């Protein structure tokens, strides 16, 4: 089994495995990212499967969907925390961001609003209670491995993230088209 497949398998079956950091380094060493060519691969809904962070909201948990919705073509993103299951759409913690492609492997992130998003009510409309975010530091994600299923990245604070794409969820559910 190659390192990428082994990493995906461990993320799915044993997300607390101590082998994950080594597997991530192995996959990163075998990968060349070029966002000028592969920007479309970033697009979609990504689920956090592993993080080196000690912050609880940046960790994987079996009862929590920790999602990142990326729409790089429209320079928009949303981070979501929601309980798993049908109750999860009642109250979602969200942070909206603007994206820039800074170079071949780095995405700039400017957080703009954060708060609560409620369930879909009519024609895709969701009630929102959001406040502006006063981001006082530059934020970015260094994309170190990217394909149509797996993304590994490192944030400006040094945290490593490992995410898998969720084909069952749509960007439009969280980032509506501008009217």
Protein backbone atom coordinates (compact mmCIF):
# COMPACT_ATOMS: atom_id res chain seq x y z
CA UNK A 1 0.00 0.00 0.00
CA UNK A 2 1.47 3.39 -0.88
CA UNK A 3 1.87 6.08 1.79
CA UNK A 4 -1.14 8.13 0.60
CA UNK A 5 -3.50 5.14 0.75
CA UNK A 6 -2.05 4.06 4.07
CA UNK A 7 -2.59 7.56 5.46
CA UNK A 8 -6.20 7.63 4.23
CA UNK A 9 -6.82 4.23 5.79
CA UNK A 10 -5.32 5.24 9.16
CA UNK A 11 -7.30 8.50 9.16
CA UNK A 12 -10.49 6.50 8.62
CA UNK A 13 -9.81 3.64 11.06
CA UNK A 14 -7.50 5.06 13.75
CA UNK A 15 -7.48 8.90 13.69
CA UNK A 16 -5.49 9.05 16.94
CA UNK A 17 -2.66 6.88 15.60
CA UNK A 18 0.85 8.07 16.45
CA UNK A 19 1.90 7.01 12.91
CA UNK A 20 -0.03 9.85 11.28
CA UNK A 21 2.71 12.55 11.50
CA UNK A 22 5.25 10.24 9.82
CA UNK A 23 2.77 9.24 7.11
CA UNK A 24 1.97 12.91 6.48
CA UNK A 25 5.68 13.72 6.05
CA UNK A 26 6.08 10.78 3.67
CA UNK A 27 3.11 11.88 1.56
CA UNK A 28 4.31 15.51 1.54
CA UNK A 29 7.77 14.38 0.37
CA UNK A 30 6.19 12.57 -2.58
CA UNK A 31 3.94 15.48 -3.61
CA UNK A 32 4.44 18.63 -5.63
CA UNK A 33 1.66 21.21 -5.31
CA UNK A 34 1.06 23.83 -8.00
CA UNK A 35 -2.09 25.85 -7.34
CA UNK A 36 -1.69 27.63 -10.67
CA UNK A 37 -2.51 24.26 -12.30
CA UNK A 38 -4.49 22.50 -9.55
CA UNK A 39 -6.63 25.25 -8.00
CA UNK A 40 -9.83 23.43 -9.01
CA UNK A 41 -8.82 20.52 -6.73
CA UNK A 42 -9.19 22.83 -3.69
CA UNK A 43 -12.83 23.46 -4.48
CA UNK A 44 -15.33 21.59 -2.35
CA UNK A 45 -16.21 20.61 1.19
CA UNK A 46 -13.31 19.19 3.21
CA UNK A 47 -13.56 17.37 6.52
CA UNK A 48 -10.82 17.69 9.12
CA UNK A 49 -9.50 14.22 9.90
CA UNK A 50 -6.36 15.09 11.88
CA UNK A 51 -4.66 18.18 13.27
CA UNK A 52 -1.46 18.79 15.22
CA UNK A 53 -3.25 21.56 17.16
CA UNK A 54 -4.10 21.31 20.84
CA UNK A 55 -7.15 23.59 20.35
CA UNK A 56 -10.39 21.57 20.70
CA UNK A 57 -12.06 23.31 17.74
CA UNK A 58 -9.12 22.30 15.51
CA UNK A 59 -9.32 18.61 16.39
CA UNK A 60 -11.17 15.69 14.90
CA UNK A 61 -13.94 14.17 17.04
CA UNK A 62 -16.36 11.33 16.20
CA UNK A 63 -19.40 13.39 17.25
CA UNK A 64 -18.41 16.57 15.38
CA UNK A 65 -18.28 17.61 11.73
CA UNK A 66 -15.32 19.98 11.42
CA UNK A 67 -15.65 21.19 7.84
CA UNK A 68 -13.94 23.64 5.55
CA UNK A 69 -15.85 24.80 2.48
CA UNK A 70 -13.56 26.23 -0.19
CA UNK A 71 -14.58 28.14 -3.30
CA UNK A 72 -11.24 29.50 -4.54
CA UNK A 73 -12.66 30.61 -7.91
CA UNK A 74 -14.88 33.11 -6.06
CA UNK A 75 -12.21 33.68 -3.36
CA UNK A 76 -14.50 32.54 -0.54
CA UNK A 77 -14.36 30.00 2.27
CA UNK A 78 -16.32 28.97 5.35
CA UNK A 79 -15.17 26.96 8.37
CA UNK A 80 -17.98 25.03 10.07
CA UNK A 81 -18.35 23.21 13.37
CA UNK A 82 -21.54 21.21 13.76
CA UNK A 83 -22.77 18.18 15.63
CA UNK A 84 -23.12 15.05 13.53
CA UNK A 85 -26.54 13.82 12.55
CA UNK A 86 -29.82 15.58 11.90
CA UNK A 87 -29.51 17.85 14.96
CA UNK A 88 -26.29 19.25 13.49
CA UNK A 89 -27.97 21.66 11.10
CA UNK A 90 -29.91 23.40 13.88
CA UNK A 91 -26.90 25.29 15.19
CA UNK A 92 -23.69 25.59 13.22
CA UNK A 93 -20.71 27.64 14.36
CA UNK A 94 -19.20 29.30 11.30
CA UNK A 95 -16.39 31.60 10.26
CA UNK A 96 -16.48 33.16 6.79
CA UNK A 97 -13.26 34.09 5.01
CA UNK A 98 -11.90 35.62 1.83
CA UNK A 99 -9.19 33.69 -0.03
CA UNK A 100 -6.28 34.73 -2.22
CA UNK A 101 -3.82 32.57 -4.10
CA UNK A 102 -0.50 33.92 -2.85
CA UNK A 103 1.80 31.60 -4.82
CA UNK A 104 2.00 28.05 -6.20
CA UNK A 105 1.29 26.45 -2.82
CA UNK A 106 -0.05 29.12 -0.47
CA UNK A 107 -3.59 30.42 0.07
CA UNK A 108 -4.08 33.68 1.96
CA UNK A 109 -7.00 33.70 4.41
CA UNK A 110 -8.75 36.80 5.73
CA UNK A 111 -11.45 35.96 8.27
CA UNK A 112 -14.35 38.39 7.89
CA UNK A 113 -17.39 37.15 9.88
CA UNK A 114 -18.13 34.55 12.50
CA UNK A 115 -21.06 33.31 14.54
CA UNK A 116 -24.11 31.08 14.28
CA UNK A 117 -25.99 29.76 11.24
CA UNK A 118 -29.35 28.06 11.62
CA UNK A 119 -31.15 25.42 9.59
CA UNK A 120 -32.26 25.86 5.99
CA UNK A 121 -35.79 27.26 6.07
CA UNK A 122 -37.02 28.44 2.66
CA UNK A 123 -35.33 28.22 -0.77
CA UNK A 124 -31.91 27.58 0.79
CA UNK A 125 -32.16 30.59 3.14
CA UNK A 126 -30.64 30.14 6.59
CA UNK A 127 -30.95 32.52 9.55
CA UNK A 128 -27.57 33.90 10.58
CA UNK A 129 -26.22 35.70 13.59
CA UNK A 130 -22.75 36.84 12.51
CA UNK A 131 -20.33 39.46 13.74
CA UNK A 132 -17.41 41.02 11.89
CA UNK A 133 -14.02 39.52 12.68
CA UNK A 134 -11.16 41.93 13.30
CA UNK A 135 -8.25 39.84 12.09
CA UNK A 136 -5.05 41.52 13.26
CA UNK A 137 -2.53 39.11 11.71
CA UNK A 138 -1.93 37.62 8.26
CA UNK A 139 -3.27 34.08 7.97
CA UNK A 140 -2.44 31.53 5.33
CA UNK A 141 -2.47 27.84 4.48
CA UNK A 142 0.55 26.24 2.88
CA UNK A 143 -0.88 23.40 0.78
CA UNK A 144 1.68 20.59 0.98
CA UNK A 145 -0.31 17.79 -0.67
CA UNK A 146 -3.45 17.99 -2.77
CA UNK A 147 -5.50 15.62 -4.87
CA UNK A 148 -9.22 14.97 -5.42
CA UNK A 149 -9.56 13.16 -2.04
CA UNK A 150 -6.79 14.25 0.33
CA UNK A 151 -5.41 17.66 1.34
CA UNK A 152 -2.54 18.28 3.73
CA UNK A 153 -1.75 21.84 4.73
CA UNK A 154 0.10 23.85 7.34
CA UNK A 155 -1.24 27.06 8.80
CA UNK A 156 0.57 30.28 9.64
CA UNK A 157 0.83 29.17 13.31
CA UNK A 158 2.60 25.94 12.28
CA UNK A 159 -0.39 23.63 12.73
CA UNK A 160 -0.59 20.71 10.32
CA UNK A 161 -4.04 19.73 9.04
CA UNK A 162 -5.11 16.61 7.17
CA UNK A 163 -8.50 16.75 5.44
CA UNK A 164 -10.54 14.54 3.12
CA UNK A 165 -13.06 15.72 0.57
CA UNK A 166 -16.76 15.15 1.27
CA UNK A 167 -18.54 14.43 -2.02
CA UNK A 168 -21.91 14.22 -0.23
CA UNK A 169 -21.87 17.94 0.68
CA UNK A 170 -22.09 20.92 -1.68
CA UNK A 171 -20.43 24.33 -1.62
CA UNK A 172 -23.77 25.98 -2.44
CA UNK A 173 -25.23 24.77 0.86
CA UNK A 174 -22.79 27.03 2.74
CA UNK A 175 -21.57 29.64 0.26
CA UNK A 176 -24.56 30.88 -1.71
CA UNK A 177 -24.12 32.54 -5.07
CA UNK A 178 -23.94 36.32 -4.88
CA UNK A 179 -27.11 37.87 -6.22
